[in-house]
């Protein structure tokens, strides 16, 4: 899954927290990275991992 970047410039703290919550929503394995520049959130990146379970069948 690729990261989705949104423009957070000029948004208030509640809007930024909603974006972080959206990035965390449904995430089972992975990470959320928040980049801050000059004291402001400039980027939120979501990295998701999918773990595949063996089926026990051989091809």
PDB file of N, CA and C in Angstrom:
ATOM      1  N   UNK A   1       0.845  -1.176   0.000  1.00  0.00           N
ATOM      2  CA  UNK A   1       0.000   0.000   0.000  1.00  0.00           C
ATOM      3  C   UNK A   1       0.890   1.239   0.000  1.00  0.00           C
ATOM      4  N   UNK A   2       0.594   2.175  -0.838  1.00  0.00           N
ATOM      5  CA  UNK A   2       1.372   3.400  -0.884  1.00  0.00           C
ATOM      6  C   UNK A   2       0.812   4.401   0.114  1.00  0.00           C
ATOM      7  N   UNK A   3       1.641   5.338   0.511  1.00  0.00           N
ATOM      8  CA  UNK A   3       1.230   6.361   1.468  1.00  0.00           C
ATOM      9  C   UNK A   3       0.375   7.403   0.768  1.00  0.00           C
ATOM     10  N   UNK A   4      -0.604   7.900   1.475  1.00  0.00           N
ATOM     11  CA  UNK A   4      -1.439   8.979   0.976  1.00  0.00           C
ATOM     12  C   UNK A   4      -1.093  10.236   1.746  1.00  0.00           C
ATOM     13  N   UNK A   5      -0.710  11.281   1.063  1.00  0.00           N
ATOM     14  CA  UNK A   5      -0.340  12.527   1.709  1.00  0.00           C
ATOM     15  C   UNK A   5      -1.450  13.539   1.506  1.00  0.00           C
ATOM     16  N   UNK A   6      -1.781  14.246   2.552  1.00  0.00           N
ATOM     17  CA  UNK A   6      -2.806  15.278   2.479  1.00  0.00           C
ATOM     18  C   UNK A   6      -2.191  16.609   2.886  1.00  0.00           C
ATOM     19  N   UNK A   7      -2.708  17.688   2.348  1.00  0.00           N
ATOM     20  CA  UNK A   7      -2.227  19.011   2.708  1.00  0.00           C
ATOM     21  C   UNK A   7      -2.822  19.409   4.052  1.00  0.00           C
ATOM     22  N   UNK A   8      -1.968  19.557   5.072  1.00  0.00           N
ATOM     23  CA  UNK A   8      -2.436  19.898   6.407  1.00  0.00           C
ATOM     24  C   UNK A   8      -2.173  21.358   6.747  1.00  0.00           C
ATOM     25  N   UNK A   9      -1.606  22.102   5.813  1.00  0.00           N
ATOM     26  CA  UNK A   9      -1.262  23.495   6.082  1.00  0.00           C
ATOM     27  C   UNK A   9      -2.521  24.296   6.393  1.00  0.00           C
ATOM     28  N   UNK A  10      -2.464  25.050   7.476  1.00  0.00           N
ATOM     29  CA  UNK A  10      -3.586  25.900   7.842  1.00  0.00           C
ATOM     30  C   UNK A  10      -4.696  25.179   8.592  1.00  0.00           C
ATOM     31  N   UNK A  11      -4.552  23.891   8.837  1.00  0.00           N
ATOM     32  CA  UNK A  11      -5.590  23.153   9.553  1.00  0.00           C
ATOM     33  C   UNK A  11      -5.339  23.233  11.044  1.00  0.00           C
ATOM     34  N   UNK A  12      -6.401  23.155  11.800  1.00  0.00           N
ATOM     35  CA  UNK A  12      -6.266  23.220  13.249  1.00  0.00           C
ATOM     36  C   UNK A  12      -5.883  21.866  13.830  1.00  0.00           C
ATOM     37  N   UNK A  13      -5.586  21.854  15.121  1.00  0.00           N
ATOM     38  CA  UNK A  13      -5.137  20.639  15.800  1.00  0.00           C
ATOM     39  C   UNK A  13      -6.143  19.497  15.688  1.00  0.00           C
ATOM     40  N   UNK A  14      -7.430  19.796  15.785  1.00  0.00           N
ATOM     41  CA  UNK A  14      -8.461  18.757  15.688  1.00  0.00           C
ATOM     42  C   UNK A  14      -8.436  18.089  14.317  1.00  0.00           C
ATOM     43  N   UNK A  15      -8.214  18.866  13.262  1.00  0.00           N
ATOM     44  CA  UNK A  15      -8.156  18.298  11.909  1.00  0.00           C
ATOM     45  C   UNK A  15      -6.952  17.379  11.752  1.00  0.00           C
ATOM     46  N   UNK A  16      -5.827  17.789  12.310  1.00  0.00           N
ATOM     47  CA  UNK A  16      -4.626  16.961  12.237  1.00  0.00           C
ATOM     48  C   UNK A  16      -4.841  15.658  13.006  1.00  0.00           C
ATOM     49  N   UNK A  17      -5.451  15.749  14.191  1.00  0.00           N
ATOM     50  CA  UNK A  17      -5.721  14.541  14.971  1.00  0.00           C
ATOM     51  C   UNK A  17      -6.682  13.605  14.245  1.00  0.00           C
ATOM     52  N   UNK A  18      -7.655  14.151  13.522  1.00  0.00           N
ATOM     53  CA  UNK A  18      -8.566  13.308  12.729  1.00  0.00           C
ATOM     54  C   UNK A  18      -7.802  12.580  11.631  1.00  0.00           C
ATOM     55  N   UNK A  19      -6.835  13.259  10.992  1.00  0.00           N
ATOM     56  CA  UNK A  19      -6.038  12.619   9.943  1.00  0.00           C
ATOM     57  C   UNK A  19      -5.178  11.494  10.521  1.00  0.00           C
ATOM     58  N   UNK A  20      -4.628  11.714  11.707  1.00  0.00           N
ATOM     59  CA  UNK A  20      -3.844  10.663  12.361  1.00  0.00           C
ATOM     60  C   UNK A  20      -4.744   9.484  12.707  1.00  0.00           C
ATOM     61  N   UNK A  21      -5.925   9.763  13.227  1.00  0.00           N
ATOM     62  CA  UNK A  21      -6.881   8.700  13.548  1.00  0.00           C
ATOM     63  C   UNK A  21      -7.281   7.930  12.292  1.00  0.00           C
ATOM     64  N   UNK A  22      -7.470   8.637  11.187  1.00  0.00           N
ATOM     65  CA  UNK A  22      -7.817   7.985   9.916  1.00  0.00           C
ATOM     66  C   UNK A  22      -6.690   7.048   9.466  1.00  0.00           C
ATOM     67  N   UNK A  23      -5.441   7.489   9.654  1.00  0.00           N
ATOM     68  CA  UNK A  23      -4.288   6.661   9.274  1.00  0.00           C
ATOM     69  C   UNK A  23      -4.216   5.404  10.141  1.00  0.00           C
ATOM     70  N   UNK A  24      -4.605   5.513  11.401  1.00  0.00           N
ATOM     71  CA  UNK A  24      -4.554   4.371  12.316  1.00  0.00           C
ATOM     72  C   UNK A  24      -5.746   3.429  12.159  1.00  0.00           C
ATOM     73  N   UNK A  25      -6.850   3.940  11.641  1.00  0.00           N
ATOM     74  CA  UNK A  25      -8.073   3.159  11.534  1.00  0.00           C
ATOM     75  C   UNK A  25      -7.872   1.886  10.710  1.00  0.00           C
ATOM     76  N   UNK A  26      -8.149   0.757  11.308  1.00  0.00           N
ATOM     77  CA  UNK A  26      -8.071  -0.524  10.617  1.00  0.00           C
ATOM     78  C   UNK A  26      -6.673  -1.087  10.448  1.00  0.00           C
ATOM     79  N   UNK A  27      -5.675  -0.399  10.964  1.00  0.00           N
ATOM     80  CA  UNK A  27      -4.288  -0.859  10.822  1.00  0.00           C
ATOM     81  C   UNK A  27      -4.019  -1.984  11.817  1.00  0.00           C
ATOM     82  N   UNK A  28      -3.672  -3.175  11.304  1.00  0.00           N
ATOM     83  CA  UNK A  28      -3.376  -4.317  12.170  1.00  0.00           C
ATOM     84  C   UNK A  28      -1.870  -4.505  12.343  1.00  0.00           C
ATOM     85  N   UNK A  29      -1.133  -4.397  11.251  1.00  0.00           N
ATOM     86  CA  UNK A  29       0.327  -4.532  11.270  1.00  0.00           C
ATOM     87  C   UNK A  29       0.900  -3.404  10.429  1.00  0.00           C
ATOM     88  N   UNK A  30       1.814  -2.631  10.996  1.00  0.00           N
ATOM     89  CA  UNK A  30       2.417  -1.563  10.229  1.00  0.00           C
ATOM     90  C   UNK A  30       2.803  -0.407  11.123  1.00  0.00           C
ATOM     91  N   UNK A  31       2.865   0.778  10.531  1.00  0.00           N
ATOM     92  CA  UNK A  31       3.267   1.955  11.292  1.00  0.00           C
ATOM     93  C   UNK A  31       2.648   3.206  10.693  1.00  0.00           C
ATOM     94  N   UNK A  32       2.562   4.236  11.530  1.00  0.00           N
ATOM     95  CA  UNK A  32       2.147   5.563  11.095  1.00  0.00           C
ATOM     96  C   UNK A  32       3.275   6.508  11.479  1.00  0.00           C
ATOM     97  N   UNK A  33       3.806   7.216  10.490  1.00  0.00           N
ATOM     98  CA  UNK A  33       4.912   8.148  10.720  1.00  0.00           C
ATOM     99  C   UNK A  33       4.403   9.574  10.547  1.00  0.00           C
ATOM    100  N   UNK A  34       4.683  10.416  11.540  1.00  0.00           N
ATOM    101  CA  UNK A  34       4.271  11.813  11.517  1.00  0.00           C
ATOM    102  C   UNK A  34       5.526  12.663  11.395  1.00  0.00           C
ATOM    103  N   UNK A  35       5.586  13.475  10.349  1.00  0.00           N
ATOM    104  CA  UNK A  35       6.740  14.333  10.119  1.00  0.00           C
ATOM    105  C   UNK A  35       6.385  15.754  10.536  1.00  0.00           C
ATOM    106  N   UNK A  36       7.269  16.344  11.355  1.00  0.00           N
ATOM    107  CA  UNK A  36       7.060  17.693  11.869  1.00  0.00           C
ATOM    108  C   UNK A  36       8.195  18.584  11.373  1.00  0.00           C
ATOM    109  N   UNK A  37       7.851  19.767  10.899  1.00  0.00           N
ATOM    110  CA  UNK A  37       8.842  20.745  10.442  1.00  0.00           C
ATOM    111  C   UNK A  37       8.480  22.098  11.044  1.00  0.00           C
ATOM    112  N   UNK A  38       9.427  22.706  11.719  1.00  0.00           N
ATOM    113  CA  UNK A  38       9.195  23.995  12.382  1.00  0.00           C
ATOM    114  C   UNK A  38       7.985  23.959  13.308  1.00  0.00           C
ATOM    115  N   UNK A  39       7.822  22.853  14.023  1.00  0.00           N
ATOM    116  CA  UNK A  39       6.749  22.732  15.001  1.00  0.00           C
ATOM    117  C   UNK A  39       5.380  22.453  14.426  1.00  0.00           C
ATOM    118  N   UNK A  40       5.279  22.169  13.129  1.00  0.00           N
ATOM    119  CA  UNK A  40       3.996  21.881  12.502  1.00  0.00           C
ATOM    120  C   UNK A  40       4.044  20.531  11.804  1.00  0.00           C
ATOM    121  N   UNK A  41       2.943  19.798  11.876  1.00  0.00           N
ATOM    122  CA  UNK A  41       2.825  18.527  11.171  1.00  0.00           C
ATOM    123  C   UNK A  41       2.750  18.835   9.677  1.00  0.00           C
ATOM    124  N   UNK A  42       3.668  18.240   8.914  1.00  0.00           N
ATOM    125  CA  UNK A  42       3.694  18.482   7.473  1.00  0.00           C
ATOM    126  C   UNK A  42       3.380  17.223   6.662  1.00  0.00           C
ATOM    127  N   UNK A  43       3.434  16.058   7.316  1.00  0.00           N
ATOM    128  CA  UNK A  43       3.199  14.818   6.577  1.00  0.00           C
ATOM    129  C   UNK A  43       2.784  13.716   7.535  1.00  0.00           C
ATOM    130  N   UNK A  44       1.830  12.896   7.087  1.00  0.00           N
ATOM    131  CA  UNK A  44       1.431  11.697   7.818  1.00  0.00           C
ATOM    132  C   UNK A  44       1.517  10.549   6.823  1.00  0.00           C
ATOM    133  N   UNK A  45       2.303   9.535   7.160  1.00  0.00           N
ATOM    134  CA  UNK A  45       2.525   8.414   6.246  1.00  0.00           C
ATOM    135  C   UNK A  45       2.104   7.112   6.933  1.00  0.00           C
ATOM    136  N   UNK A  46       1.326   6.327   6.226  1.00  0.00           N
ATOM    137  CA  UNK A  46       0.866   5.033   6.740  1.00  0.00           C
ATOM    138  C   UNK A  46       1.543   3.923   5.947  1.00  0.00           C
ATOM    139  N   UNK A  47       2.165   3.003   6.677  1.00  0.00           N
ATOM    140  CA  UNK A  47       2.784   1.825   6.063  1.00  0.00           C
ATOM    141  C   UNK A  47       2.068   0.609   6.631  1.00  0.00           C
ATOM    142  N   UNK A  48       1.494  -0.179   5.752  1.00  0.00           N
ATOM    143  CA  UNK A  48       0.715  -1.330   6.197  1.00  0.00           C
ATOM    144  C   UNK A  48       1.369  -2.608   5.703  1.00  0.00           C
ATOM    145  N   UNK A  49       1.415  -3.591   6.589  1.00  0.00           N
ATOM    146  CA  UNK A  49       1.972  -4.894   6.233  1.00  0.00           C
ATOM    147  C   UNK A  49       0.845  -5.916   6.240  1.00  0.00           C
ATOM    148  N   UNK A  50       0.904  -6.804   5.283  1.00  0.00           N
ATOM    149  CA  UNK A  50      -0.063  -7.890   5.209  1.00  0.00           C
ATOM    150  C   UNK A  50       0.666  -9.190   5.473  1.00  0.00           C
ATOM    151  N   UNK A  51       0.219  -9.925   6.452  1.00  0.00           N
ATOM    152  CA  UNK A  51       0.848 -11.197   6.793  1.00  0.00           C
ATOM    153  C   UNK A  51       0.033 -12.322   6.165  1.00  0.00           C
ATOM    154  N   UNK A  52       0.714 -13.127   5.399  1.00  0.00           N
ATOM    155  CA  UNK A  52       0.071 -14.242   4.716  1.00  0.00           C
ATOM    156  C   UNK A  52       0.240 -15.501   5.548  1.00  0.00           C
ATOM    157  N   UNK A  53      -0.819 -16.227   5.715  1.00  0.00           N
ATOM    158  CA  UNK A  53      -0.791 -17.474   6.484  1.00  0.00           C
ATOM    159  C   UNK A  53      -0.692 -18.646   5.507  1.00  0.00           C
ATOM    160  N   UNK A  54       0.183 -19.599   5.809  1.00  0.00           N
ATOM    161  CA  UNK A  54       0.260 -20.781   4.938  1.00  0.00           C
ATOM    162  C   UNK A  54      -1.046 -21.564   4.998  1.00  0.00           C
ATOM    163  N   UNK A  55      -1.466 -22.099   3.853  1.00  0.00           N
ATOM    164  CA  UNK A  55      -2.731 -22.838   3.788  1.00  0.00           C
ATOM    165  C   UNK A  55      -2.558 -24.306   4.096  1.00  0.00           C
ATOM    166  N   UNK A  56      -1.321 -24.767   4.111  1.00  0.00           N
ATOM    167  CA  UNK A  56      -1.075 -26.183   4.361  1.00  0.00           C
ATOM    168  C   UNK A  56      -1.109 -27.020   3.091  1.00  0.00           C
ATOM    169  N   UNK A  57      -1.496 -26.429   1.971  1.00  0.00           N
ATOM    170  CA  UNK A  57      -1.540 -27.126   0.684  1.00  0.00           C
ATOM    171  C   UNK A  57      -0.283 -26.816  -0.089  1.00  0.00           C
ATOM    172  N   UNK A  58       0.267 -27.797  -0.743  1.00  0.00           N
ATOM    173  CA  UNK A  58       1.456 -27.610  -1.577  1.00  0.00           C
ATOM    174  C   UNK A  58       1.061 -27.677  -3.044  1.00  0.00           C
ATOM    175  N   UNK A  59       1.657 -26.840  -3.859  1.00  0.00           N
ATOM    176  CA  UNK A  59       1.333 -26.803  -5.299  1.00  0.00           C
ATOM    177  C   UNK A  59       1.995 -27.937  -6.037  1.00  0.00           C
TER     178      UNK A  59
END
